[in-house]
Amino acid sequence: MITKVLSLRGRPRGFEIETALETGQRLFHARGYNAVGLAALTEALGIKPTSFYRTFGSKAGYFARILERYSQSVLALEDILRPGRSAAEALADLLERAAQTYARDPQQRGCLVLEAARGGDDDESANLARRSAQHKRSHIRVFVALSNPDAADAVTDFVASTMSGLSASAREGMSEDRVVAVARAAARALPILLIENSPMGQQPSANEMGGVAATRRI
């Protein structure tokens, strides 16, 4: 629900938290955290610095809320890694959706979280982004472990590394068609990776075998 602040001291009437987060998300995504100063933020939000600090505490606090919003609304894992879907199918879907999302908007190329996470250890925004990225990795691992516990670590590393590469390629200007093609190529390896990391003698599922057969025909 959008939070409306109508009468708190220092904030303009009609100020909306959700709108402020969306505005900041676009700014940080397009320019990067360190390139967006307080003056640019408050001008875009239409508020004074005192109001900004009263509402969000700090620039880092504001960014943390934006990362939370982004993670819940962009490539929401709860919607993709649904119970009942095979790991190979769901993760292939995740990779393709990621490729489309990262490359579609020329003003918001790449993943906000993954690109912010590339900063140094003393970069507060990078540390915030890494925590967000780690939460996503944990979600993927738990999902894979439900059906393929022995493959969970290897598959999670593969998917996370692929998504990082897709984000970087999109950020560098690779077209959506090309980024999607890379995602689909990576997805074809998922059934094999799942089987290779299963216990000796464990029979692959029908879905996994179908994925392997399709991969070998390409």
N, C-alpha and C. Protein backbone atom coordinates (compact mmCIF):
# COMPACT_ATOMS: atom_id res chain seq x y z
N MET A 1 0.84 -1.19 0.00
CA MET A 1 0.00 0.00 0.00
C MET A 1 0.88 1.24 0.00
N ILE A 2 0.50 2.23 -0.78
CA ILE A 2 1.23 3.48 -0.82
C ILE A 2 1.02 4.23 0.48
N THR A 3 2.12 4.68 1.05
CA THR A 3 2.05 5.43 2.30
C THR A 3 2.01 6.90 2.00
N LYS A 4 0.97 7.58 2.38
CA LYS A 4 0.83 9.00 2.15
C LYS A 4 1.13 9.76 3.43
N VAL A 5 1.97 10.75 3.32
CA VAL A 5 2.33 11.58 4.45
C VAL A 5 1.73 12.95 4.20
N LEU A 6 0.74 13.31 4.95
CA LEU A 6 -0.02 14.52 4.65
C LEU A 6 0.28 15.67 5.58
N SER A 7 0.71 15.38 6.77
CA SER A 7 0.80 16.49 7.70
C SER A 7 2.03 16.48 8.60
N LEU A 8 2.96 15.52 8.41
CA LEU A 8 4.13 15.50 9.28
C LEU A 8 5.01 16.70 8.99
N ARG A 9 5.59 17.24 10.03
CA ARG A 9 6.39 18.44 9.92
C ARG A 9 7.54 18.26 8.94
N GLY A 10 7.71 19.23 8.03
CA GLY A 10 8.84 19.24 7.13
C GLY A 10 8.61 18.54 5.81
N ARG A 11 7.51 17.82 5.65
CA ARG A 11 7.25 17.15 4.39
C ARG A 11 6.11 17.84 3.65
N PRO A 12 6.22 17.96 2.34
CA PRO A 12 5.15 18.61 1.60
C PRO A 12 3.89 17.77 1.60
N ARG A 13 2.76 18.44 1.56
CA ARG A 13 1.48 17.73 1.52
C ARG A 13 1.43 16.88 0.25
N GLY A 14 0.98 15.63 0.41
CA GLY A 14 0.88 14.74 -0.73
C GLY A 14 2.14 13.93 -1.01
N PHE A 15 3.16 14.08 -0.18
CA PHE A 15 4.40 13.32 -0.37
C PHE A 15 4.10 11.83 -0.21
N GLU A 16 4.55 11.02 -1.18
CA GLU A 16 4.28 9.59 -1.16
C GLU A 16 5.59 8.80 -1.09
N ILE A 17 5.69 7.95 -0.11
CA ILE A 17 6.89 7.15 0.07
C ILE A 17 7.15 6.26 -1.14
N GLU A 18 6.11 5.61 -1.62
CA GLU A 18 6.27 4.69 -2.75
C GLU A 18 6.79 5.41 -4.00
N THR A 19 6.25 6.59 -4.25
CA THR A 19 6.72 7.37 -5.40
C THR A 19 8.17 7.79 -5.21
N ALA A 20 8.52 8.15 -3.98
CA ALA A 20 9.90 8.54 -3.69
C ALA A 20 10.86 7.37 -3.91
N LEU A 21 10.45 6.17 -3.54
CA LEU A 21 11.30 5.00 -3.73
C LEU A 21 11.44 4.68 -5.22
N GLU A 22 10.36 4.80 -5.96
CA GLU A 22 10.42 4.53 -7.40
C GLU A 22 11.34 5.53 -8.10
N THR A 23 11.24 6.79 -7.71
CA THR A 23 12.09 7.83 -8.30
C THR A 23 13.56 7.55 -8.02
N GLY A 24 13.86 7.24 -6.77
CA GLY A 24 15.24 6.93 -6.41
C GLY A 24 15.76 5.69 -7.11
N GLN A 25 14.90 4.70 -7.25
CA GLN A 25 15.30 3.47 -7.93
C GLN A 25 15.74 3.76 -9.36
N ARG A 26 14.99 4.60 -10.04
CA ARG A 26 15.34 4.95 -11.42
C ARG A 26 16.65 5.73 -11.49
N LEU A 27 16.83 6.65 -10.56
CA LEU A 27 18.05 7.44 -10.55
C LEU A 27 19.28 6.57 -10.28
N PHE A 28 19.21 5.75 -9.25
CA PHE A 28 20.35 4.91 -8.90
C PHE A 28 20.64 3.88 -10.00
N HIS A 29 19.59 3.37 -10.61
CA HIS A 29 19.78 2.36 -11.65
C HIS A 29 20.46 2.97 -12.87
N ALA A 30 20.04 4.17 -13.23
CA ALA A 30 20.59 4.81 -14.43
C ALA A 30 22.00 5.33 -14.22
N ARG A 31 22.28 5.90 -13.04
CA ARG A 31 23.55 6.60 -12.83
C ARG A 31 24.52 5.88 -11.89
N GLY A 32 23.99 5.02 -11.03
CA GLY A 32 24.83 4.41 -10.01
C GLY A 32 24.71 5.17 -8.70
N TYR A 33 24.88 4.47 -7.59
CA TYR A 33 24.67 5.05 -6.26
C TYR A 33 25.57 6.24 -6.01
N ASN A 34 26.84 6.10 -6.27
CA ASN A 34 27.79 7.16 -5.92
C ASN A 34 27.67 8.39 -6.81
N ALA A 35 27.06 8.25 -7.97
CA ALA A 35 26.92 9.38 -8.89
C ALA A 35 25.69 10.23 -8.59
N VAL A 36 24.86 9.78 -7.68
CA VAL A 36 23.64 10.52 -7.34
C VAL A 36 23.82 11.13 -5.96
N GLY A 37 23.96 12.44 -5.91
CA GLY A 37 24.15 13.12 -4.64
C GLY A 37 22.85 13.53 -3.99
N LEU A 38 22.95 14.04 -2.79
CA LEU A 38 21.76 14.45 -2.05
C LEU A 38 20.99 15.54 -2.77
N ALA A 39 21.71 16.49 -3.38
CA ALA A 39 21.03 17.58 -4.08
C ALA A 39 20.18 17.05 -5.22
N ALA A 40 20.72 16.10 -5.98
CA ALA A 40 19.96 15.52 -7.09
C ALA A 40 18.75 14.74 -6.58
N LEU A 41 18.94 14.03 -5.46
CA LEU A 41 17.83 13.26 -4.90
C LEU A 41 16.70 14.16 -4.42
N THR A 42 17.04 15.15 -3.62
CA THR A 42 15.99 16.00 -3.06
C THR A 42 15.30 16.82 -4.15
N GLU A 43 16.05 17.20 -5.18
CA GLU A 43 15.42 17.92 -6.29
C GLU A 43 14.43 17.02 -7.02
N ALA A 44 14.83 15.78 -7.28
CA ALA A 44 13.95 14.84 -7.97
C ALA A 44 12.72 14.50 -7.14
N LEU A 45 12.89 14.44 -5.81
CA LEU A 45 11.79 14.09 -4.92
C LEU A 45 10.92 15.29 -4.58
N GLY A 46 11.46 16.48 -4.79
CA GLY A 46 10.70 17.69 -4.47
C GLY A 46 10.60 17.95 -2.98
N ILE A 47 11.64 17.58 -2.22
CA ILE A 47 11.64 17.81 -0.78
C ILE A 47 12.98 18.43 -0.36
N LYS A 48 13.02 18.93 0.86
CA LYS A 48 14.24 19.52 1.39
C LYS A 48 15.11 18.43 2.04
N PRO A 49 16.41 18.69 2.15
CA PRO A 49 17.29 17.70 2.79
C PRO A 49 16.82 17.28 4.19
N THR A 50 16.33 18.24 4.97
CA THR A 50 15.87 17.89 6.32
C THR A 50 14.71 16.90 6.25
N SER A 51 13.83 17.08 5.29
CA SER A 51 12.71 16.16 5.12
C SER A 51 13.20 14.79 4.69
N PHE A 52 14.18 14.79 3.81
CA PHE A 52 14.75 13.52 3.33
C PHE A 52 15.32 12.72 4.50
N TYR A 53 16.14 13.37 5.32
CA TYR A 53 16.76 12.67 6.44
C TYR A 53 15.74 12.24 7.48
N ARG A 54 14.71 13.07 7.68
CA ARG A 54 13.68 12.71 8.64
C ARG A 54 12.90 11.48 8.17
N THR A 55 12.71 11.37 6.87
CA THR A 55 11.93 10.27 6.32
C THR A 55 12.73 8.98 6.20
N PHE A 56 13.97 9.09 5.70
CA PHE A 56 14.74 7.89 5.38
C PHE A 56 15.97 7.66 6.26
N GLY A 57 16.32 8.64 7.06
CA GLY A 57 17.46 8.48 7.96
C GLY A 57 18.79 8.83 7.34
N SER A 58 19.05 8.33 6.15
CA SER A 58 20.31 8.57 5.46
C SER A 58 20.14 8.14 4.01
N LYS A 59 21.13 8.49 3.20
CA LYS A 59 21.12 8.04 1.80
C LYS A 59 21.20 6.52 1.74
N ALA A 60 22.03 5.93 2.60
CA ALA A 60 22.15 4.48 2.64
C ALA A 60 20.85 3.82 3.08
N GLY A 61 20.17 4.43 4.05
CA GLY A 61 18.89 3.91 4.49
C GLY A 61 17.85 3.96 3.39
N TYR A 62 17.89 5.04 2.63
CA TYR A 62 17.00 5.19 1.47
C TYR A 62 17.30 4.11 0.44
N PHE A 63 18.57 3.88 0.16
CA PHE A 63 18.96 2.88 -0.81
C PHE A 63 18.57 1.48 -0.36
N ALA A 64 18.69 1.20 0.93
CA ALA A 64 18.30 -0.11 1.45
C ALA A 64 16.82 -0.37 1.20
N ARG A 65 16.00 0.64 1.38
CA ARG A 65 14.56 0.48 1.13
C ARG A 65 14.29 0.29 -0.36
N ILE A 66 15.08 0.96 -1.19
CA ILE A 66 14.93 0.80 -2.64
C ILE A 66 15.32 -0.62 -3.06
N LEU A 67 16.40 -1.14 -2.50
CA LEU A 67 16.80 -2.51 -2.81
C LEU A 67 15.73 -3.51 -2.41
N GLU A 68 15.12 -3.29 -1.26
CA GLU A 68 14.04 -4.18 -0.81
C GLU A 68 12.87 -4.11 -1.78
N ARG A 69 12.51 -2.91 -2.18
CA ARG A 69 11.41 -2.73 -3.14
C ARG A 69 11.73 -3.40 -4.47
N TYR A 70 12.95 -3.20 -4.94
CA TYR A 70 13.38 -3.77 -6.22
C TYR A 70 13.32 -5.30 -6.17
N SER A 71 13.82 -5.88 -5.10
CA SER A 71 13.85 -7.33 -4.97
C SER A 71 12.45 -7.94 -4.92
N GLN A 72 11.51 -7.20 -4.37
CA GLN A 72 10.15 -7.70 -4.26
C GLN A 72 9.34 -7.52 -5.54
N SER A 73 9.75 -6.58 -6.39
CA SER A 73 8.96 -6.27 -7.58
C SER A 73 9.59 -6.69 -8.89
N VAL A 74 10.91 -6.83 -8.93
CA VAL A 74 11.61 -7.20 -10.16
C VAL A 74 12.16 -8.62 -10.00
N LEU A 75 11.74 -9.52 -10.89
CA LEU A 75 12.15 -10.92 -10.80
C LEU A 75 11.88 -11.49 -9.41
N ALA A 76 10.66 -11.30 -8.94
CA ALA A 76 10.29 -11.83 -7.62
C ALA A 76 10.39 -13.35 -7.64
N LEU A 77 11.30 -13.90 -6.85
CA LEU A 77 11.55 -15.33 -6.89
C LEU A 77 10.34 -16.15 -6.44
N GLU A 78 9.53 -15.59 -5.57
CA GLU A 78 8.34 -16.32 -5.11
C GLU A 78 7.41 -16.65 -6.27
N ASP A 79 7.41 -15.81 -7.30
CA ASP A 79 6.53 -16.02 -8.45
C ASP A 79 7.12 -16.98 -9.47
N ILE A 80 8.45 -17.13 -9.46
CA ILE A 80 9.12 -17.95 -10.47
C ILE A 80 9.48 -19.33 -9.93
N LEU A 81 10.04 -19.38 -8.74
CA LEU A 81 10.45 -20.65 -8.14
C LEU A 81 9.30 -21.21 -7.31
N ARG A 82 8.25 -21.58 -8.01
CA ARG A 82 7.03 -22.04 -7.34
C ARG A 82 7.10 -23.53 -7.03
N PRO A 83 6.51 -23.94 -5.92
CA PRO A 83 6.45 -25.36 -5.60
C PRO A 83 5.77 -26.13 -6.74
N GLY A 84 6.31 -27.29 -7.05
CA GLY A 84 5.74 -28.10 -8.11
C GLY A 84 6.47 -27.97 -9.43
N ARG A 85 7.22 -26.89 -9.63
CA ARG A 85 7.99 -26.75 -10.86
C ARG A 85 9.32 -27.49 -10.71
N SER A 86 9.76 -28.11 -11.78
CA SER A 86 11.08 -28.75 -11.72
C SER A 86 12.14 -27.67 -11.61
N ALA A 87 13.27 -28.02 -11.01
CA ALA A 87 14.35 -27.04 -10.85
C ALA A 87 14.83 -26.54 -12.20
N ALA A 88 15.01 -27.45 -13.16
CA ALA A 88 15.52 -27.05 -14.48
C ALA A 88 14.56 -26.09 -15.16
N GLU A 89 13.27 -26.39 -15.12
CA GLU A 89 12.27 -25.54 -15.76
C GLU A 89 12.21 -24.16 -15.11
N ALA A 90 12.13 -24.14 -13.79
CA ALA A 90 11.99 -22.86 -13.08
C ALA A 90 13.23 -21.99 -13.24
N LEU A 91 14.40 -22.58 -13.16
CA LEU A 91 15.63 -21.80 -13.27
C LEU A 91 15.87 -21.32 -14.69
N ALA A 92 15.47 -22.12 -15.67
CA ALA A 92 15.56 -21.66 -17.06
C ALA A 92 14.65 -20.45 -17.27
N ASP A 93 13.47 -20.51 -16.68
CA ASP A 93 12.54 -19.38 -16.75
C ASP A 93 13.14 -18.15 -16.08
N LEU A 94 13.77 -18.35 -14.93
CA LEU A 94 14.40 -17.24 -14.22
C LEU A 94 15.49 -16.59 -15.07
N LEU A 95 16.34 -17.40 -15.70
CA LEU A 95 17.42 -16.84 -16.51
C LEU A 95 16.88 -16.06 -17.70
N GLU A 96 15.87 -16.59 -18.35
CA GLU A 96 15.32 -15.87 -19.52
C GLU A 96 14.64 -14.57 -19.10
N ARG A 97 13.88 -14.63 -18.03
CA ARG A 97 13.24 -13.39 -17.54
C ARG A 97 14.29 -12.37 -17.12
N ALA A 98 15.35 -12.83 -16.50
CA ALA A 98 16.42 -11.92 -16.09
C ALA A 98 17.03 -11.24 -17.31
N ALA A 99 17.32 -12.02 -18.34
CA ALA A 99 17.90 -11.45 -19.56
C ALA A 99 17.00 -10.39 -20.16
N GLN A 100 15.71 -10.68 -20.23
CA GLN A 100 14.76 -9.72 -20.79
C GLN A 100 14.70 -8.45 -19.94
N THR A 101 14.65 -8.64 -18.64
CA THR A 101 14.54 -7.50 -17.72
C THR A 101 15.79 -6.63 -17.77
N TYR A 102 16.95 -7.26 -17.77
CA TYR A 102 18.21 -6.52 -17.71
C TYR A 102 18.48 -5.70 -18.97
N ALA A 103 17.98 -6.16 -20.12
CA ALA A 103 18.36 -5.53 -21.39
C ALA A 103 17.25 -4.71 -22.04
N ARG A 104 16.07 -4.75 -21.49
CA ARG A 104 14.92 -4.15 -22.19
C ARG A 104 14.90 -2.63 -22.12
N ASP A 105 15.14 -2.06 -20.96
CA ASP A 105 15.02 -0.61 -20.77
C ASP A 105 16.40 0.04 -20.90
N PRO A 106 16.61 0.87 -21.92
CA PRO A 106 17.94 1.48 -22.10
C PRO A 106 18.35 2.40 -20.95
N GLN A 107 17.39 2.86 -20.16
CA GLN A 107 17.69 3.72 -19.02
C GLN A 107 17.94 2.95 -17.73
N GLN A 108 17.65 1.65 -17.75
CA GLN A 108 17.83 0.84 -16.53
C GLN A 108 18.42 -0.52 -16.91
N ARG A 109 19.59 -0.47 -17.50
CA ARG A 109 20.21 -1.70 -17.99
C ARG A 109 20.91 -2.44 -16.85
N GLY A 110 20.87 -3.76 -16.95
CA GLY A 110 21.47 -4.59 -15.92
C GLY A 110 20.58 -4.69 -14.69
N CYS A 111 21.09 -5.36 -13.67
CA CYS A 111 20.37 -5.54 -12.41
C CYS A 111 20.85 -4.50 -11.41
N LEU A 112 19.94 -3.77 -10.82
CA LEU A 112 20.30 -2.75 -9.83
C LEU A 112 21.12 -3.36 -8.70
N VAL A 113 20.71 -4.52 -8.21
CA VAL A 113 21.39 -5.15 -7.08
C VAL A 113 22.78 -5.65 -7.48
N LEU A 114 22.85 -6.41 -8.56
CA LEU A 114 24.12 -7.01 -8.95
C LEU A 114 25.16 -5.98 -9.37
N GLU A 115 24.72 -4.93 -10.05
CA GLU A 115 25.67 -3.91 -10.46
C GLU A 115 26.17 -3.10 -9.26
N ALA A 116 25.28 -2.82 -8.33
CA ALA A 116 25.70 -2.10 -7.12
C ALA A 116 26.65 -2.94 -6.28
N ALA A 117 26.48 -4.26 -6.33
CA ALA A 117 27.30 -5.16 -5.51
C ALA A 117 28.75 -5.24 -5.98
N ARG A 118 29.05 -4.69 -7.13
CA ARG A 118 30.41 -4.79 -7.67
C ARG A 118 31.38 -3.79 -7.04
N GLY A 119 30.89 -2.92 -6.16
CA GLY A 119 31.75 -1.92 -5.53
C GLY A 119 32.73 -2.54 -4.54
N GLY A 120 33.58 -1.70 -3.97
CA GLY A 120 34.59 -2.16 -3.03
C GLY A 120 34.01 -2.48 -1.66
N ASP A 121 34.84 -3.09 -0.82
CA ASP A 121 34.39 -3.51 0.51
C ASP A 121 34.03 -2.33 1.41
N ASP A 122 34.61 -1.17 1.12
CA ASP A 122 34.32 0.01 1.93
C ASP A 122 33.16 0.83 1.36
N ASP A 123 32.52 0.30 0.34
CA ASP A 123 31.39 0.97 -0.30
C ASP A 123 30.10 0.51 0.39
N GLU A 124 29.44 1.41 1.08
CA GLU A 124 28.25 1.04 1.85
C GLU A 124 27.15 0.51 0.95
N SER A 125 26.97 1.13 -0.22
CA SER A 125 25.93 0.68 -1.14
C SER A 125 26.23 -0.73 -1.64
N ALA A 126 27.51 -1.03 -1.90
CA ALA A 126 27.88 -2.36 -2.36
C ALA A 126 27.60 -3.41 -1.30
N ASN A 127 27.89 -3.10 -0.06
CA ASN A 127 27.62 -4.04 1.02
C ASN A 127 26.13 -4.30 1.19
N LEU A 128 25.33 -3.26 1.05
CA LEU A 128 23.88 -3.43 1.10
C LEU A 128 23.41 -4.32 -0.04
N ALA A 129 23.94 -4.07 -1.24
CA ALA A 129 23.54 -4.84 -2.40
C ALA A 129 23.98 -6.29 -2.28
N ARG A 130 25.16 -6.52 -1.72
CA ARG A 130 25.63 -7.90 -1.55
C ARG A 130 24.72 -8.68 -0.61
N ARG A 131 24.25 -8.04 0.43
CA ARG A 131 23.33 -8.72 1.34
C ARG A 131 22.04 -9.08 0.62
N SER A 132 21.56 -8.17 -0.22
CA SER A 132 20.35 -8.45 -0.99
C SER A 132 20.59 -9.60 -1.97
N ALA A 133 21.74 -9.58 -2.65
CA ALA A 133 22.07 -10.65 -3.59
C ALA A 133 22.21 -11.99 -2.88
N GLN A 134 22.80 -11.99 -1.70
CA GLN A 134 22.96 -13.22 -0.94
C GLN A 134 21.62 -13.81 -0.53
N HIS A 135 20.68 -12.94 -0.20
CA HIS A 135 19.33 -13.40 0.13
C HIS A 135 18.71 -14.12 -1.07
N LYS A 136 18.92 -13.57 -2.28
CA LYS A 136 18.40 -14.20 -3.49
C LYS A 136 19.07 -15.56 -3.71
N ARG A 137 20.38 -15.60 -3.52
CA ARG A 137 21.10 -16.87 -3.69
C ARG A 137 20.57 -17.93 -2.72
N SER A 138 20.32 -17.52 -1.50
CA SER A 138 19.80 -18.46 -0.50
C SER A 138 18.44 -18.99 -0.91
N HIS A 139 17.61 -18.12 -1.47
CA HIS A 139 16.28 -18.53 -1.93
C HIS A 139 16.42 -19.57 -3.04
N ILE A 140 17.31 -19.32 -3.99
CA ILE A 140 17.52 -20.27 -5.08
C ILE A 140 18.02 -21.60 -4.55
N ARG A 141 18.97 -21.55 -3.63
CA ARG A 141 19.52 -22.79 -3.09
C ARG A 141 18.47 -23.62 -2.37
N VAL A 142 17.65 -22.97 -1.57
CA VAL A 142 16.60 -23.70 -0.86
C VAL A 142 15.64 -24.35 -1.85
N PHE A 143 15.30 -23.64 -2.91
CA PHE A 143 14.39 -24.19 -3.92
C PHE A 143 15.00 -25.42 -4.59
N VAL A 144 16.25 -25.33 -5.00
CA VAL A 144 16.90 -26.46 -5.67
C VAL A 144 17.03 -27.64 -4.71
N ALA A 145 17.35 -27.36 -3.46
CA ALA A 145 17.56 -28.42 -2.48
C ALA A 145 16.30 -29.22 -2.19
N LEU A 146 15.14 -28.66 -2.45
CA LEU A 146 13.90 -29.39 -2.22
C LEU A 146 13.83 -30.65 -3.08
N SER A 147 14.36 -30.59 -4.30
CA SER A 147 14.29 -31.74 -5.20
C SER A 147 15.66 -32.32 -5.52
N ASN A 148 16.71 -31.51 -5.40
CA ASN A 148 18.06 -31.96 -5.76
C ASN A 148 19.07 -31.47 -4.72
N PRO A 149 18.99 -31.98 -3.50
CA PRO A 149 19.84 -31.45 -2.43
C PRO A 149 21.34 -31.53 -2.71
N ASP A 150 21.77 -32.59 -3.39
CA ASP A 150 23.21 -32.73 -3.64
C ASP A 150 23.70 -31.77 -4.71
N ALA A 151 22.79 -31.26 -5.52
CA ALA A 151 23.17 -30.35 -6.60
C ALA A 151 22.95 -28.89 -6.23
N ALA A 152 22.41 -28.63 -5.05
CA ALA A 152 21.97 -27.28 -4.71
C ALA A 152 23.09 -26.25 -4.77
N ASP A 153 24.25 -26.58 -4.21
CA ASP A 153 25.35 -25.61 -4.19
C ASP A 153 25.86 -25.31 -5.59
N ALA A 154 26.13 -26.36 -6.36
CA ALA A 154 26.69 -26.17 -7.71
C ALA A 154 25.71 -25.44 -8.62
N VAL A 155 24.45 -25.80 -8.55
CA VAL A 155 23.46 -25.17 -9.41
C VAL A 155 23.24 -23.71 -9.02
N THR A 156 23.21 -23.45 -7.72
CA THR A 156 23.05 -22.06 -7.26
C THR A 156 24.22 -21.20 -7.72
N ASP A 157 25.44 -21.72 -7.60
CA ASP A 157 26.61 -20.97 -8.07
C ASP A 157 26.52 -20.70 -9.57
N PHE A 158 26.09 -21.70 -10.32
CA PHE A 158 25.98 -21.56 -11.77
C PHE A 158 24.95 -20.50 -12.14
N VAL A 159 23.78 -20.56 -11.52
CA VAL A 159 22.71 -19.60 -11.83
C VAL A 159 23.11 -18.19 -11.42
N ALA A 160 23.68 -18.05 -10.22
CA ALA A 160 24.08 -16.73 -9.75
C ALA A 160 25.16 -16.12 -10.64
N SER A 161 26.13 -16.94 -11.04
CA SER A 161 27.20 -16.45 -11.91
C SER A 161 26.66 -16.08 -13.28
N THR A 162 25.73 -16.87 -13.78
CA THR A 162 25.12 -16.56 -15.08
C THR A 162 24.35 -15.26 -15.03
N MET A 163 23.58 -15.06 -13.98
CA MET A 163 22.81 -13.82 -13.85
C MET A 163 23.72 -12.61 -13.74
N SER A 164 24.84 -12.76 -13.04
CA SER A 164 25.80 -11.67 -12.94
C SER A 164 26.36 -11.33 -14.32
N GLY A 165 26.67 -12.36 -15.11
CA GLY A 165 27.17 -12.12 -16.46
C GLY A 165 26.13 -11.50 -17.37
N LEU A 166 24.89 -11.94 -17.26
CA LEU A 166 23.81 -11.36 -18.06
C LEU A 166 23.64 -9.88 -17.73
N SER A 167 23.70 -9.56 -16.44
CA SER A 167 23.56 -8.17 -16.01
C SER A 167 24.69 -7.31 -16.57
N ALA A 168 25.92 -7.82 -16.46
CA ALA A 168 27.07 -7.06 -16.95
C ALA A 168 26.99 -6.85 -18.46
N SER A 169 26.59 -7.88 -19.19
CA SER A 169 26.48 -7.76 -20.65
C SER A 169 25.42 -6.74 -21.04
N ALA A 170 24.29 -6.78 -20.35
CA ALA A 170 23.24 -5.81 -20.64
C ALA A 170 23.70 -4.39 -20.31
N ARG A 171 24.39 -4.25 -19.19
CA ARG A 171 24.88 -2.94 -18.77
C ARG A 171 25.86 -2.38 -19.80
N GLU A 172 26.62 -3.25 -20.42
CA GLU A 172 27.60 -2.83 -21.42
C GLU A 172 26.98 -2.53 -22.78
N GLY A 173 25.67 -2.80 -22.92
CA GLY A 173 24.98 -2.44 -24.15
C GLY A 173 24.60 -3.57 -25.07
N MET A 174 24.80 -4.82 -24.66
CA MET A 174 24.39 -5.94 -25.50
C MET A 174 22.88 -5.91 -25.70
N SER A 175 22.43 -6.21 -26.91
CA SER A 175 21.00 -6.14 -27.22
C SER A 175 20.22 -7.20 -26.45
N GLU A 176 18.92 -6.96 -26.31
CA GLU A 176 18.07 -7.91 -25.59
C GLU A 176 18.10 -9.28 -26.25
N ASP A 177 18.03 -9.34 -27.58
CA ASP A 177 18.03 -10.63 -28.27
C ASP A 177 19.29 -11.43 -27.96
N ARG A 178 20.42 -10.76 -27.93
CA ARG A 178 21.68 -11.46 -27.67
C ARG A 178 21.79 -11.90 -26.22
N VAL A 179 21.33 -11.07 -25.30
CA VAL A 179 21.38 -11.46 -23.88
C VAL A 179 20.45 -12.64 -23.63
N VAL A 180 19.28 -12.61 -24.24
CA VAL A 180 18.34 -13.73 -24.10
C VAL A 180 18.93 -15.01 -24.69
N ALA A 181 19.62 -14.89 -25.82
CA ALA A 181 20.25 -16.07 -26.43
C ALA A 181 21.29 -16.68 -25.49
N VAL A 182 22.03 -15.85 -24.81
CA VAL A 182 23.01 -16.35 -23.83
C VAL A 182 22.30 -17.06 -22.68
N ALA A 183 21.21 -16.47 -22.20
CA ALA A 183 20.45 -17.08 -21.11
C ALA A 183 19.91 -18.45 -21.50
N ARG A 184 19.41 -18.55 -22.72
CA ARG A 184 18.87 -19.84 -23.18
C ARG A 184 19.97 -20.88 -23.33
N ALA A 185 21.13 -20.45 -23.79
CA ALA A 185 22.25 -21.39 -23.90
C ALA A 185 22.66 -21.90 -22.52
N ALA A 186 22.70 -21.01 -21.55
CA ALA A 186 23.04 -21.42 -20.18
C ALA A 186 21.99 -22.35 -19.62
N ALA A 187 20.72 -22.08 -19.92
CA ALA A 187 19.63 -22.90 -19.38
C ALA A 187 19.72 -24.33 -19.88
N ARG A 188 20.27 -24.54 -21.07
CA ARG A 188 20.38 -25.90 -21.61
C ARG A 188 21.35 -26.76 -20.81
N ALA A 189 22.20 -26.11 -20.04
CA ALA A 189 23.15 -26.87 -19.21
C ALA A 189 22.54 -27.30 -17.88
N LEU A 190 21.41 -26.71 -17.51
CA LEU A 190 20.86 -26.98 -16.18
C LEU A 190 20.49 -28.44 -15.94
N PRO A 191 19.77 -29.11 -16.87
CA PRO A 191 19.43 -30.51 -16.60
C PRO A 191 20.66 -31.39 -16.41
N ILE A 192 21.69 -31.16 -17.22
CA ILE A 192 22.91 -31.95 -17.10
C ILE A 192 23.59 -31.68 -15.76
N LEU A 193 23.65 -30.42 -15.38
CA LEU A 193 24.28 -30.05 -14.11
C LEU A 193 23.55 -30.68 -12.93
N LEU A 194 22.24 -30.70 -13.00
CA LEU A 194 21.45 -31.31 -11.93
C LEU A 194 21.73 -32.80 -11.82
N ILE A 195 21.84 -33.48 -12.97
CA ILE A 195 22.07 -34.92 -12.96
C ILE A 195 23.49 -35.25 -12.52
N GLU A 196 24.46 -34.49 -13.02
CA GLU A 196 25.86 -34.78 -12.69
C GLU A 196 26.15 -34.61 -11.20
N ASN A 197 25.36 -33.79 -10.54
CA ASN A 197 25.58 -33.55 -9.11
C ASN A 197 24.60 -34.33 -8.23
N SER A 198 23.92 -35.30 -8.82
CA SER A 198 23.03 -36.17 -8.05
C SER A 198 23.83 -37.37 -7.56
N PRO A 199 23.36 -38.04 -6.50
CA PRO A 199 24.07 -39.21 -5.98
C PRO A 199 24.21 -40.30 -7.04
N MET A 200 25.26 -41.07 -6.98
CA MET A 200 25.47 -42.16 -7.92
C MET A 200 24.29 -43.12 -7.88
N GLY A 201 23.80 -43.45 -9.04
CA GLY A 201 22.70 -44.40 -9.11
C GLY A 201 21.33 -43.78 -9.05
N GLN A 202 21.23 -42.49 -8.73
CA GLN A 202 19.91 -41.87 -8.67
C GLN A 202 19.41 -41.61 -10.07
N GLN A 203 18.23 -42.06 -10.37
CA GLN A 203 17.67 -41.86 -11.70
C GLN A 203 17.14 -40.44 -11.83
N PRO A 204 17.47 -39.76 -12.94
CA PRO A 204 16.94 -38.42 -13.16
C PRO A 204 15.45 -38.46 -13.39
N SER A 205 14.80 -37.36 -13.09
CA SER A 205 13.37 -37.26 -13.30
C SER A 205 13.07 -37.18 -14.79
N ALA A 206 11.80 -37.40 -15.15
CA ALA A 206 11.39 -37.31 -16.55
C ALA A 206 11.65 -35.92 -17.10
N ASN A 207 11.40 -34.90 -16.28
CA ASN A 207 11.64 -33.52 -16.72
C ASN A 207 13.12 -33.29 -17.01
N GLU A 208 13.98 -33.82 -16.14
CA GLU A 208 15.42 -33.65 -16.34
C GLU A 208 15.89 -34.39 -17.58
N MET A 209 15.38 -35.60 -17.81
CA MET A 209 15.76 -36.36 -18.99
C MET A 209 15.30 -35.66 -20.25
N GLY A 210 14.10 -35.09 -20.20
CA GLY A 210 13.60 -34.35 -21.36
C GLY A 210 14.48 -33.16 -21.66
N GLY A 211 14.93 -32.49 -20.61
CA GLY A 211 15.79 -31.33 -20.81
C GLY A 211 17.13 -31.73 -21.39
N VAL A 212 17.67 -32.87 -20.93
CA VAL A 212 18.95 -33.34 -21.46
C VAL A 212 18.81 -33.72 -22.92
N ALA A 213 17.73 -34.42 -23.26
CA ALA A 213 17.51 -34.83 -24.65
C ALA A 213 17.40 -33.62 -25.56
N ALA A 214 16.67 -32.61 -25.10
CA ALA A 214 16.52 -31.40 -25.90
C ALA A 214 17.85 -30.71 -26.08
N THR A 215 18.66 -30.72 -25.03
CA THR A 215 19.98 -30.08 -25.11
C THR A 215 20.85 -30.79 -26.14
N ARG A 216 20.82 -32.12 -26.15
CA ARG A 216 21.69 -32.87 -27.05
C ARG A 216 21.26 -32.75 -28.51
N ARG A 217 19.98 -32.44 -28.75
CA ARG A 217 19.51 -32.29 -30.13
C ARG A 217 19.92 -30.96 -30.72
N ILE A 218 20.30 -29.97 -29.86
CA ILE A 218 20.61 -28.62 -30.35
C ILE A 218 22.07 -28.54 -30.79
